[in-house]
């Protein structure tokens, strides 16, 4: 596994290229990997190794909508983007994401 500075560089590159979003994930799961590639470093997360899986709804729910509207969205089965990350890669992504968010304020 590369050192922290290298992982932060890779995370920043993934954000700047649009491969990873800077938004807060809708859901973060931690589970053993099924062998997916890491969205930060590109290396496969070994089968059985703990990983983070980030889920981002492609169409986030608008604030102030009615309950009926929200129930309709649930039935629509919205598309979700998922990203798999090694634990150190997740840390690097989170630090770069938060640093970029603070810079934009």
PDB file of N, CA and C in Angstrom:
ATOM      1  N   UNK A   1       0.859  -1.185   0.000  1.00  0.00           N
ATOM      2  CA  UNK A   1       0.000   0.000   0.000  1.00  0.00           C
ATOM      3  C   UNK A   1       0.901   1.242   0.000  1.00  0.00           C
ATOM      4  N   UNK A   2       0.648   2.194  -0.907  1.00  0.00           N
ATOM      5  CA  UNK A   2       1.439   3.425  -0.955  1.00  0.00           C
ATOM      6  C   UNK A   2       1.314   4.236   0.339  1.00  0.00           C
ATOM      7  N   UNK A   3       2.248   5.168   0.536  1.00  0.00           N
ATOM      8  CA  UNK A   3       2.208   5.999   1.740  1.00  0.00           C
ATOM      9  C   UNK A   3       1.067   7.020   1.666  1.00  0.00           C
ATOM     10  N   UNK A   4       0.821   7.702   2.790  1.00  0.00           N
ATOM     11  CA  UNK A   4      -0.321   8.620   2.889  1.00  0.00           C
ATOM     12  C   UNK A   4      -0.265   9.740   1.859  1.00  0.00           C
ATOM     13  N   UNK A   5       0.903  10.321   1.637  1.00  0.00           N
ATOM     14  CA  UNK A   5       1.023  11.428   0.677  1.00  0.00           C
ATOM     15  C   UNK A   5       0.655  10.963  -0.732  1.00  0.00           C
ATOM     16  N   UNK A   6       1.100   9.780  -1.099  1.00  0.00           N
ATOM     17  CA  UNK A   6       0.786   9.239  -2.424  1.00  0.00           C
ATOM     18  C   UNK A   6      -0.718   8.973  -2.554  1.00  0.00           C
ATOM     19  N   UNK A   7      -1.310   8.411  -1.500  1.00  0.00           N
ATOM     20  CA  UNK A   7      -2.747   8.150  -1.542  1.00  0.00           C
ATOM     21  C   UNK A   7      -3.539   9.453  -1.626  1.00  0.00           C
ATOM     22  N   UNK A   8      -3.096  10.488  -0.925  1.00  0.00           N
ATOM     23  CA  UNK A   8      -3.790  11.775  -0.989  1.00  0.00           C
ATOM     24  C   UNK A   8      -3.693  12.356  -2.398  1.00  0.00           C
ATOM     25  N   UNK A   9      -2.528  12.196  -3.033  1.00  0.00           N
ATOM     26  CA  UNK A   9      -2.369  12.654  -4.421  1.00  0.00           C
ATOM     27  C   UNK A   9      -3.332  11.899  -5.346  1.00  0.00           C
ATOM     28  N   UNK A  10      -3.414  10.593  -5.166  1.00  0.00           N
ATOM     29  CA  UNK A  10      -4.317   9.783  -6.000  1.00  0.00           C
ATOM     30  C   UNK A  10      -5.776  10.149  -5.744  1.00  0.00           C
ATOM     31  N   UNK A  11      -6.129  10.404  -4.485  1.00  0.00           N
ATOM     32  CA  UNK A  11      -7.501  10.799  -4.151  1.00  0.00           C
ATOM     33  C   UNK A  11      -7.829  12.150  -4.782  1.00  0.00           C
ATOM     34  N   UNK A  12      -6.910  13.089  -4.694  1.00  0.00           N
ATOM     35  CA  UNK A  12      -7.114  14.420  -5.291  1.00  0.00           C
ATOM     36  C   UNK A  12      -7.283  14.299  -6.796  1.00  0.00           C
ATOM     37  N   UNK A  13      -6.480  13.453  -7.432  1.00  0.00           N
ATOM     38  CA  UNK A  13      -6.584  13.220  -8.878  1.00  0.00           C
ATOM     39  C   UNK A  13      -7.939  12.607  -9.237  1.00  0.00           C
ATOM     40  N   UNK A  14      -8.402  11.646  -8.423  1.00  0.00           N
ATOM     41  CA  UNK A  14      -9.706  11.011  -8.676  1.00  0.00           C
ATOM     42  C   UNK A  14     -10.836  12.033  -8.565  1.00  0.00           C
ATOM     43  N   UNK A  15     -10.731  12.946  -7.619  1.00  0.00           N
ATOM     44  CA  UNK A  15     -11.746  13.993  -7.455  1.00  0.00           C
ATOM     45  C   UNK A  15     -11.699  14.966  -8.623  1.00  0.00           C
ATOM     46  N   UNK A  16     -10.498  15.445  -8.954  1.00  0.00           N
ATOM     47  CA  UNK A  16     -10.350  16.441 -10.024  1.00  0.00           C
ATOM     48  C   UNK A  16     -10.750  15.897 -11.384  1.00  0.00           C
ATOM     49  N   UNK A  17     -10.542  14.590 -11.604  1.00  0.00           N
ATOM     50  CA  UNK A  17     -10.897  13.988 -12.891  1.00  0.00           C
ATOM     51  C   UNK A  17     -12.380  13.620 -12.964  1.00  0.00           C
ATOM     52  N   UNK A  18     -13.078  13.688 -11.826  1.00  0.00           N
ATOM     53  CA  UNK A  18     -14.494  13.345 -11.802  1.00  0.00           C
ATOM     54  C   UNK A  18     -14.776  11.871 -11.570  1.00  0.00           C
ATOM     55  N   UNK A  19     -13.728  11.073 -11.323  1.00  0.00           N
ATOM     56  CA  UNK A  19     -13.949   9.641 -11.051  1.00  0.00           C
ATOM     57  C   UNK A  19     -14.607   9.418  -9.697  1.00  0.00           C
ATOM     58  N   UNK A  20     -14.381  10.338  -8.750  1.00  0.00           N
ATOM     59  CA  UNK A  20     -15.001  10.267  -7.430  1.00  0.00           C
ATOM     60  C   UNK A  20     -15.661  11.599  -7.120  1.00  0.00           C
ATOM     61  N   UNK A  21     -16.857  11.563  -6.548  1.00  0.00           N
ATOM     62  CA  UNK A  21     -17.539  12.813  -6.201  1.00  0.00           C
ATOM     63  C   UNK A  21     -16.946  13.438  -4.934  1.00  0.00           C
ATOM     64  N   UNK A  22     -17.264  14.704  -4.724  1.00  0.00           N
ATOM     65  CA  UNK A  22     -16.849  15.386  -3.503  1.00  0.00           C
ATOM     66  C   UNK A  22     -18.002  15.504  -2.513  1.00  0.00           C
ATOM     67  N   UNK A  23     -19.183  15.086  -2.941  1.00  0.00           N
ATOM     68  CA  UNK A  23     -20.353  15.145  -2.058  1.00  0.00           C
ATOM     69  C   UNK A  23     -20.220  14.114  -0.944  1.00  0.00           C
ATOM     70  N   UNK A  24     -20.962  14.347   0.109  1.00  0.00           N
ATOM     71  CA  UNK A  24     -21.029  13.373   1.193  1.00  0.00           C
ATOM     72  C   UNK A  24     -21.856  12.184   0.691  1.00  0.00           C
ATOM     73  N   UNK A  25     -21.373  10.955   0.893  1.00  0.00           N
ATOM     74  CA  UNK A  25     -22.130   9.791   0.417  1.00  0.00           C
ATOM     75  C   UNK A  25     -23.475   9.676   1.118  1.00  0.00           C
ATOM     76  N   UNK A  26     -24.451   9.144   0.402  1.00  0.00           N
ATOM     77  CA  UNK A  26     -25.744   8.877   1.011  1.00  0.00           C
ATOM     78  C   UNK A  26     -25.645   7.761   2.032  1.00  0.00           C
ATOM     79  N   UNK A  27     -24.716   6.834   1.787  1.00  0.00           N
ATOM     80  CA  UNK A  27     -24.525   5.715   2.702  1.00  0.00           C
ATOM     81  C   UNK A  27     -23.099   5.202   2.561  1.00  0.00           C
ATOM     82  N   UNK A  28     -22.510   4.811   3.685  1.00  0.00           N
ATOM     83  CA  UNK A  28     -21.179   4.213   3.710  1.00  0.00           C
ATOM     84  C   UNK A  28     -21.303   2.856   4.378  1.00  0.00           C
ATOM     85  N   UNK A  29     -20.877   1.827   3.666  1.00  0.00           N
ATOM     86  CA  UNK A  29     -20.911   0.468   4.200  1.00  0.00           C
ATOM     87  C   UNK A  29     -19.481  -0.025   4.393  1.00  0.00           C
ATOM     88  N   UNK A  30     -19.282  -0.852   5.368  1.00  0.00           N
ATOM     89  CA  UNK A  30     -17.990  -1.496   5.580  1.00  0.00           C
ATOM     90  C   UNK A  30     -18.239  -2.991   5.595  1.00  0.00           C
ATOM     91  N   UNK A  31     -17.565  -3.696   4.705  1.00  0.00           N
ATOM     92  CA  UNK A  31     -17.784  -5.138   4.588  1.00  0.00           C
ATOM     93  C   UNK A  31     -16.590  -5.770   3.890  1.00  0.00           C
ATOM     94  N   UNK A  32     -16.452  -7.085   3.996  1.00  0.00           N
ATOM     95  CA  UNK A  32     -15.392  -7.762   3.249  1.00  0.00           C
ATOM     96  C   UNK A  32     -15.602  -7.583   1.742  1.00  0.00           C
ATOM     97  N   UNK A  33     -14.518  -7.396   1.035  1.00  0.00           N
ATOM     98  CA  UNK A  33     -14.565  -7.159  -0.406  1.00  0.00           C
ATOM     99  C   UNK A  33     -14.897  -8.431  -1.176  1.00  0.00           C
ATOM    100  N   UNK A  34     -15.525  -8.206  -2.310  1.00  0.00           N
ATOM    101  CA  UNK A  34     -15.772  -9.307  -3.245  1.00  0.00           C
ATOM    102  C   UNK A  34     -14.743  -9.278  -4.369  1.00  0.00           C
ATOM    103  N   UNK A  35     -13.756  -8.367  -4.256  1.00  0.00           N
ATOM    104  CA  UNK A  35     -12.692  -8.296  -5.250  1.00  0.00           C
ATOM    105  C   UNK A  35     -12.808  -7.146  -6.227  1.00  0.00           C
ATOM    106  N   UNK A  36     -13.502  -6.070  -5.841  1.00  0.00           N
ATOM    107  CA  UNK A  36     -13.679  -4.908  -6.715  1.00  0.00           C
ATOM    108  C   UNK A  36     -12.427  -4.024  -6.694  1.00  0.00           C
ATOM    109  N   UNK A  37     -12.256  -3.234  -7.749  1.00  0.00           N
ATOM    110  CA  UNK A  37     -11.134  -2.303  -7.825  1.00  0.00           C
ATOM    111  C   UNK A  37     -11.403  -1.072  -6.958  1.00  0.00           C
ATOM    112  N   UNK A  38     -10.373  -0.576  -6.312  1.00  0.00           N
ATOM    113  CA  UNK A  38     -10.475   0.630  -5.483  1.00  0.00           C
ATOM    114  C   UNK A  38     -10.606   1.854  -6.386  1.00  0.00           C
ATOM    115  N   UNK A  39     -11.557   2.717  -6.064  1.00  0.00           N
ATOM    116  CA  UNK A  39     -11.805   3.907  -6.878  1.00  0.00           C
ATOM    117  C   UNK A  39     -10.715   4.959  -6.712  1.00  0.00           C
ATOM    118  N   UNK A  40      -9.883   4.855  -5.690  1.00  0.00           N
ATOM    119  CA  UNK A  40      -8.800   5.827  -5.495  1.00  0.00           C
ATOM    120  C   UNK A  40      -7.519   5.345  -6.164  1.00  0.00           C
ATOM    121  N   UNK A  41      -7.029   4.171  -5.753  1.00  0.00           N
ATOM    122  CA  UNK A  41      -5.716   3.720  -6.238  1.00  0.00           C
ATOM    123  C   UNK A  41      -5.784   2.792  -7.444  1.00  0.00           C
ATOM    124  N   UNK A  42      -6.969   2.230  -7.723  1.00  0.00           N
ATOM    125  CA  UNK A  42      -7.130   1.354  -8.876  1.00  0.00           C
ATOM    126  C   UNK A  42      -6.734  -0.093  -8.644  1.00  0.00           C
ATOM    127  N   UNK A  43      -6.162  -0.401  -7.488  1.00  0.00           N
ATOM    128  CA  UNK A  43      -5.743  -1.763  -7.167  1.00  0.00           C
ATOM    129  C   UNK A  43      -6.952  -2.531  -6.631  1.00  0.00           C
ATOM    130  N   UNK A  44      -7.041  -3.819  -6.974  1.00  0.00           N
ATOM    131  CA  UNK A  44      -8.154  -4.628  -6.467  1.00  0.00           C
ATOM    132  C   UNK A  44      -8.092  -4.706  -4.943  1.00  0.00           C
ATOM    133  N   UNK A  45      -9.257  -4.562  -4.313  1.00  0.00           N
ATOM    134  CA  UNK A  45      -9.365  -4.805  -2.882  1.00  0.00           C
ATOM    135  C   UNK A  45      -9.479  -6.322  -2.770  1.00  0.00           C
ATOM    136  N   UNK A  46      -8.504  -6.947  -2.126  1.00  0.00           N
ATOM    137  CA  UNK A  46      -8.440  -8.409  -2.079  1.00  0.00           C
ATOM    138  C   UNK A  46      -9.735  -9.003  -1.535  1.00  0.00           C
ATOM    139  N   UNK A  47     -10.153 -10.088  -2.139  1.00  0.00           N
ATOM    140  CA  UNK A  47     -11.373 -10.780  -1.698  1.00  0.00           C
ATOM    141  C   UNK A  47     -11.247 -11.078  -0.205  1.00  0.00           C
ATOM    142  N   UNK A  48     -12.257 -10.639   0.563  1.00  0.00           N
ATOM    143  CA  UNK A  48     -12.281 -10.864   2.002  1.00  0.00           C
ATOM    144  C   UNK A  48     -11.675  -9.732   2.820  1.00  0.00           C
ATOM    145  N   UNK A  49     -10.878  -8.858   2.172  1.00  0.00           N
ATOM    146  CA  UNK A  49     -10.284  -7.709   2.877  1.00  0.00           C
ATOM    147  C   UNK A  49     -11.386  -6.687   3.178  1.00  0.00           C
ATOM    148  N   UNK A  50     -11.329  -6.068   4.353  1.00  0.00           N
ATOM    149  CA  UNK A  50     -12.327  -5.060   4.693  1.00  0.00           C
ATOM    150  C   UNK A  50     -12.186  -3.868   3.752  1.00  0.00           C
ATOM    151  N   UNK A  51     -13.315  -3.330   3.350  1.00  0.00           N
ATOM    152  CA  UNK A  51     -13.353  -2.188   2.441  1.00  0.00           C
ATOM    153  C   UNK A  51     -14.496  -1.269   2.851  1.00  0.00           C
ATOM    154  N   UNK A  52     -14.488  -0.075   2.308  1.00  0.00           N
ATOM    155  CA  UNK A  52     -15.634   0.820   2.411  1.00  0.00           C
ATOM    156  C   UNK A  52     -16.322   0.834   1.059  1.00  0.00           C
ATOM    157  N   UNK A  53     -17.633   0.791   1.076  1.00  0.00           N
ATOM    158  CA  UNK A  53     -18.429   0.939  -0.139  1.00  0.00           C
ATOM    159  C   UNK A  53     -19.249   2.212   0.030  1.00  0.00           C
ATOM    160  N   UNK A  54     -19.034   3.172  -0.857  1.00  0.00           N
ATOM    161  CA  UNK A  54     -19.734   4.448  -0.800  1.00  0.00           C
ATOM    162  C   UNK A  54     -20.889   4.410  -1.779  1.00  0.00           C
ATOM    163  N   UNK A  55     -22.045   4.855  -1.336  1.00  0.00           N
ATOM    164  CA  UNK A  55     -23.225   4.904  -2.207  1.00  0.00           C
ATOM    165  C   UNK A  55     -23.680   6.342  -2.356  1.00  0.00           C
ATOM    166  N   UNK A  56     -23.884   6.740  -3.606  1.00  0.00           N
ATOM    167  CA  UNK A  56     -24.361   8.080  -3.929  1.00  0.00           C
ATOM    168  C   UNK A  56     -25.617   7.959  -4.780  1.00  0.00           C
ATOM    169  N   UNK A  57     -26.755   8.461  -4.288  1.00  0.00           N
ATOM    170  CA  UNK A  57     -27.951   8.442  -5.141  1.00  0.00           C
ATOM    171  C   UNK A  57     -27.725   9.387  -6.320  1.00  0.00           C
ATOM    172  N   UNK A  58     -28.029   8.921  -7.527  1.00  0.00           N
ATOM    173  CA  UNK A  58     -27.836   9.758  -8.708  1.00  0.00           C
ATOM    174  C   UNK A  58     -28.827  10.902  -8.762  1.00  0.00           C
ATOM    175  N   UNK A  59     -29.931  10.761  -8.058  1.00  0.00           N
ATOM    176  CA  UNK A  59     -30.951  11.797  -8.048  1.00  0.00           C
ATOM    177  C   UNK A  59     -31.331  12.064  -6.591  1.00  0.00           C
ATOM    178  N   UNK A  60     -30.551  12.909  -5.876  1.00  0.00           N
ATOM    179  CA  UNK A  60     -30.840  13.124  -4.469  1.00  0.00           C
ATOM    180  C   UNK A  60     -32.240  13.693  -4.251  1.00  0.00           C
ATOM    181  N   UNK A  61     -32.824  13.342  -3.127  1.00  0.00           N
ATOM    182  CA  UNK A  61     -34.187  13.786  -2.850  1.00  0.00           C
ATOM    183  C   UNK A  61     -34.235  15.282  -2.588  1.00  0.00           C
ATOM    184  N   UNK A  62     -35.133  15.988  -3.265  1.00  0.00           N
ATOM    185  CA  UNK A  62     -35.262  17.429  -3.054  1.00  0.00           C
ATOM    186  C   UNK A  62     -35.920  17.715  -1.715  1.00  0.00           C
ATOM    187  N   UNK A  63     -35.431  18.759  -1.052  1.00  0.00           N
ATOM    188  CA  UNK A  63     -35.986  19.147   0.237  1.00  0.00           C
ATOM    189  C   UNK A  63     -37.342  19.802   0.035  1.00  0.00           C
ATOM    190  N   UNK A  64     -38.218  19.610   1.003  1.00  0.00           N
ATOM    191  CA  UNK A  64     -39.514  20.274   0.968  1.00  0.00           C
ATOM    192  C   UNK A  64     -40.559  19.593   0.108  1.00  0.00           C
ATOM    193  N   UNK A  65     -40.289  18.397  -0.376  1.00  0.00           N
ATOM    194  CA  UNK A  65     -41.280  17.687  -1.194  1.00  0.00           C
ATOM    195  C   UNK A  65     -42.258  16.942  -0.290  1.00  0.00           C
ATOM    196  N   UNK A  66     -43.408  16.609  -0.818  1.00  0.00           N
ATOM    197  CA  UNK A  66     -44.451  15.947  -0.040  1.00  0.00           C
ATOM    198  C   UNK A  66     -44.095  14.492   0.234  1.00  0.00           C
ATOM    199  N   UNK A  67     -44.747  13.916   1.234  1.00  0.00           N
ATOM    200  CA  UNK A  67     -44.558  12.518   1.562  1.00  0.00           C
ATOM    201  C   UNK A  67     -44.962  11.633   0.382  1.00  0.00           C
ATOM    202  N   UNK A  68     -46.020  12.004  -0.305  1.00  0.00           N
ATOM    203  CA  UNK A  68     -46.476  11.244  -1.473  1.00  0.00           C
ATOM    204  C   UNK A  68     -45.392  11.224  -2.554  1.00  0.00           C
ATOM    205  N   UNK A  69     -44.758  12.369  -2.767  1.00  0.00           N
ATOM    206  CA  UNK A  69     -43.668  12.455  -3.744  1.00  0.00           C
ATOM    207  C   UNK A  69     -42.515  11.549  -3.328  1.00  0.00           C
ATOM    208  N   UNK A  70     -42.170  11.566  -2.041  1.00  0.00           N
ATOM    209  CA  UNK A  70     -41.062  10.749  -1.552  1.00  0.00           C
ATOM    210  C   UNK A  70     -41.374   9.257  -1.688  1.00  0.00           C
ATOM    211  N   UNK A  71     -42.606   8.855  -1.397  1.00  0.00           N
ATOM    212  CA  UNK A  71     -42.988   7.451  -1.553  1.00  0.00           C
ATOM    213  C   UNK A  71     -42.922   7.013  -3.016  1.00  0.00           C
ATOM    214  N   UNK A  72     -43.288   7.899  -3.902  1.00  0.00           N
ATOM    215  CA  UNK A  72     -43.182   7.612  -5.329  1.00  0.00           C
ATOM    216  C   UNK A  72     -41.738   7.394  -5.748  1.00  0.00           C
ATOM    217  N   UNK A  73     -40.838   8.169  -5.179  1.00  0.00           N
ATOM    218  CA  UNK A  73     -39.412   8.013  -5.475  1.00  0.00           C
ATOM    219  C   UNK A  73     -38.902   6.665  -4.982  1.00  0.00           C
ATOM    220  N   UNK A  74     -39.385   6.227  -3.821  1.00  0.00           N
ATOM    221  CA  UNK A  74     -38.968   4.929  -3.290  1.00  0.00           C
ATOM    222  C   UNK A  74     -39.403   3.798  -4.221  1.00  0.00           C
ATOM    223  N   UNK A  75     -40.593   3.883  -4.744  1.00  0.00           N
ATOM    224  CA  UNK A  75     -41.091   2.849  -5.654  1.00  0.00           C
ATOM    225  C   UNK A  75     -40.357   2.897  -6.996  1.00  0.00           C
ATOM    226  N   UNK A  76     -39.793   4.029  -7.334  1.00  0.00           N
ATOM    227  CA  UNK A  76     -39.125   4.181  -8.628  1.00  0.00           C
ATOM    228  C   UNK A  76     -37.785   3.450  -8.678  1.00  0.00           C
ATOM    229  N   UNK A  77     -37.272   2.997  -7.518  1.00  0.00           N
ATOM    230  CA  UNK A  77     -36.003   2.283  -7.463  1.00  0.00           C
ATOM    231  C   UNK A  77     -34.885   3.104  -8.130  1.00  0.00           C
ATOM    232  N   UNK A  78     -34.512   4.240  -7.520  1.00  0.00           N
ATOM    233  CA  UNK A  78     -33.546   5.142  -8.143  1.00  0.00           C
ATOM    234  C   UNK A  78     -32.166   4.497  -8.302  1.00  0.00           C
ATOM    235  N   UNK A  79     -31.431   4.990  -9.282  1.00  0.00           N
ATOM    236  CA  UNK A  79     -30.088   4.494  -9.559  1.00  0.00           C
ATOM    237  C   UNK A  79     -29.130   5.012  -8.476  1.00  0.00           C
ATOM    238  N   UNK A  80     -28.211   4.150  -8.061  1.00  0.00           N
ATOM    239  CA  UNK A  80     -27.224   4.497  -7.040  1.00  0.00           C
ATOM    240  C   UNK A  80     -25.840   4.190  -7.599  1.00  0.00           C
ATOM    241  N   UNK A  81     -24.923   5.147  -7.471  1.00  0.00           N
ATOM    242  CA  UNK A  81     -23.532   4.915  -7.870  1.00  0.00           C
ATOM    243  C   UNK A  81     -22.772   4.389  -6.660  1.00  0.00           C
ATOM    244  N   UNK A  82     -21.972   3.336  -6.866  1.00  0.00           N
ATOM    245  CA  UNK A  82     -21.217   2.721  -5.778  1.00  0.00           C
ATOM    246  C   UNK A  82     -19.731   2.755  -6.092  1.00  0.00           C
ATOM    247  N   UNK A  83     -18.944   3.033  -5.052  1.00  0.00           N
ATOM    248  CA  UNK A  83     -17.493   3.068  -5.173  1.00  0.00           C
ATOM    249  C   UNK A  83     -16.903   2.229  -4.047  1.00  0.00           C
ATOM    250  N   UNK A  84     -15.911   1.415  -4.368  1.00  0.00           N
ATOM    251  CA  UNK A  84     -15.238   0.560  -3.392  1.00  0.00           C
ATOM    252  C   UNK A  84     -13.864   1.149  -3.119  1.00  0.00           C
ATOM    253  N   UNK A  85     -13.490   1.230  -1.833  1.00  0.00           N
ATOM    254  CA  UNK A  85     -12.207   1.825  -1.457  1.00  0.00           C
ATOM    255  C   UNK A  85     -11.534   1.015  -0.357  1.00  0.00           C
ATOM    256  N   UNK A  86     -10.202   0.874  -0.457  1.00  0.00           N
ATOM    257  CA  UNK A  86      -9.430   0.358   0.666  1.00  0.00           C
ATOM    258  C   UNK A  86      -9.639   1.334   1.831  1.00  0.00           C
ATOM    259  N   UNK A  87      -9.460   0.874   3.032  1.00  0.00           N
ATOM    260  CA  UNK A  87      -9.653   1.753   4.191  1.00  0.00           C
ATOM    261  C   UNK A  87      -8.682   2.940   4.161  1.00  0.00           C
ATOM    262  N   UNK A  88      -7.369   2.755   3.901  1.00  0.00           N
ATOM    263  CA  UNK A  88      -6.483   3.925   3.819  1.00  0.00           C
ATOM    264  C   UNK A  88      -6.852   4.858   2.649  1.00  0.00           C
ATOM    265  N   UNK A  89      -7.357   4.304   1.559  1.00  0.00           N
ATOM    266  CA  UNK A  89      -7.761   5.129   0.412  1.00  0.00           C
ATOM    267  C   UNK A  89      -9.004   5.951   0.762  1.00  0.00           C
ATOM    268  N   UNK A  90      -9.919   5.361   1.530  1.00  0.00           N
ATOM    269  CA  UNK A  90     -11.089   6.105   1.989  1.00  0.00           C
ATOM    270  C   UNK A  90     -10.655   7.301   2.835  1.00  0.00           C
ATOM    271  N   UNK A  91      -9.717   7.070   3.739  1.00  0.00           N
ATOM    272  CA  UNK A  91      -9.223   8.153   4.603  1.00  0.00           C
ATOM    273  C   UNK A  91      -8.629   9.275   3.755  1.00  0.00           C
ATOM    274  N   UNK A  92      -7.822   8.911   2.759  1.00  0.00           N
ATOM    275  CA  UNK A  92      -7.220   9.924   1.884  1.00  0.00           C
ATOM    276  C   UNK A  92      -8.297  10.680   1.111  1.00  0.00           C
ATOM    277  N   UNK A  93      -9.291   9.963   0.580  1.00  0.00           N
ATOM    278  CA  UNK A  93     -10.381  10.615  -0.158  1.00  0.00           C
ATOM    279  C   UNK A  93     -11.152  11.566   0.741  1.00  0.00           C
ATOM    280  N   UNK A  94     -11.473  11.119   1.944  1.00  0.00           N
ATOM    281  CA  UNK A  94     -12.244  11.950   2.874  1.00  0.00           C
ATOM    282  C   UNK A  94     -11.478  13.222   3.229  1.00  0.00           C
ATOM    283  N   UNK A  95     -10.188  13.114   3.484  1.00  0.00           N
ATOM    284  CA  UNK A  95      -9.384  14.296   3.803  1.00  0.00           C
ATOM    285  C   UNK A  95      -9.340  15.267   2.625  1.00  0.00           C
ATOM    286  N   UNK A  96      -9.149  14.747   1.419  1.00  0.00           N
ATOM    287  CA  UNK A  96      -9.105  15.612   0.232  1.00  0.00           C
ATOM    288  C   UNK A  96     -10.471  16.208  -0.069  1.00  0.00           C
ATOM    289  N   UNK A  97     -11.526  15.424   0.132  1.00  0.00           N
ATOM    290  CA  UNK A  97     -12.885  15.921  -0.091  1.00  0.00           C
ATOM    291  C   UNK A  97     -13.195  17.069   0.869  1.00  0.00           C
ATOM    292  N   UNK A  98     -12.873  16.880   2.133  1.00  0.00           N
ATOM    293  CA  UNK A  98     -13.156  17.918   3.120  1.00  0.00           C
ATOM    294  C   UNK A  98     -12.273  19.143   2.909  1.00  0.00           C
ATOM    295  N   UNK A  99     -11.028  18.926   2.514  1.00  0.00           N
ATOM    296  CA  UNK A  99     -10.142  20.059   2.231  1.00  0.00           C
ATOM    297  C   UNK A  99     -10.693  20.869   1.063  1.00  0.00           C
ATOM    298  N   UNK A 100     -11.168  20.207   0.043  1.00  0.00           N
ATOM    299  CA  UNK A 100     -11.749  20.907  -1.115  1.00  0.00           C
ATOM    300  C   UNK A 100     -13.030  21.622  -0.767  1.00  0.00           C
ATOM    301  N   UNK A 101     -13.840  21.028   0.101  1.00  0.00           N
ATOM    302  CA  UNK A 101     -15.087  21.666   0.528  1.00  0.00           C
ATOM    303  C   UNK A 101     -14.783  22.939   1.308  1.00  0.00           C
ATOM    304  N   UNK A 102     -13.796  22.878   2.195  1.00  0.00           N
ATOM    305  CA  UNK A 102     -13.432  24.055   2.983  1.00  0.00           C
ATOM    306  C   UNK A 102     -12.875  25.157   2.083  1.00  0.00           C
ATOM    307  N   UNK A 103     -12.138  24.785   1.044  1.00  0.00           N
ATOM    308  CA  UNK A 103     -11.536  25.761   0.128  1.00  0.00           C
ATOM    309  C   UNK A 103     -12.616  26.482  -0.676  1.00  0.00           C
ATOM    310  N   UNK A 104     -13.716  25.779  -1.012  1.00  0.00           N
ATOM    311  CA  UNK A 104     -14.779  26.377  -1.819  1.00  0.00           C
ATOM    312  C   UNK A 104     -15.668  27.326  -1.025  1.00  0.00           C
ATOM    313  N   UNK A 105     -15.620  27.283   0.293  1.00  0.00           N
ATOM    314  CA  UNK A 105     -16.491  28.146   1.115  1.00  0.00           C
ATOM    315  C   UNK A 105     -16.047  29.568   1.119  1.00  0.00           C
TER     316      UNK A 105
END
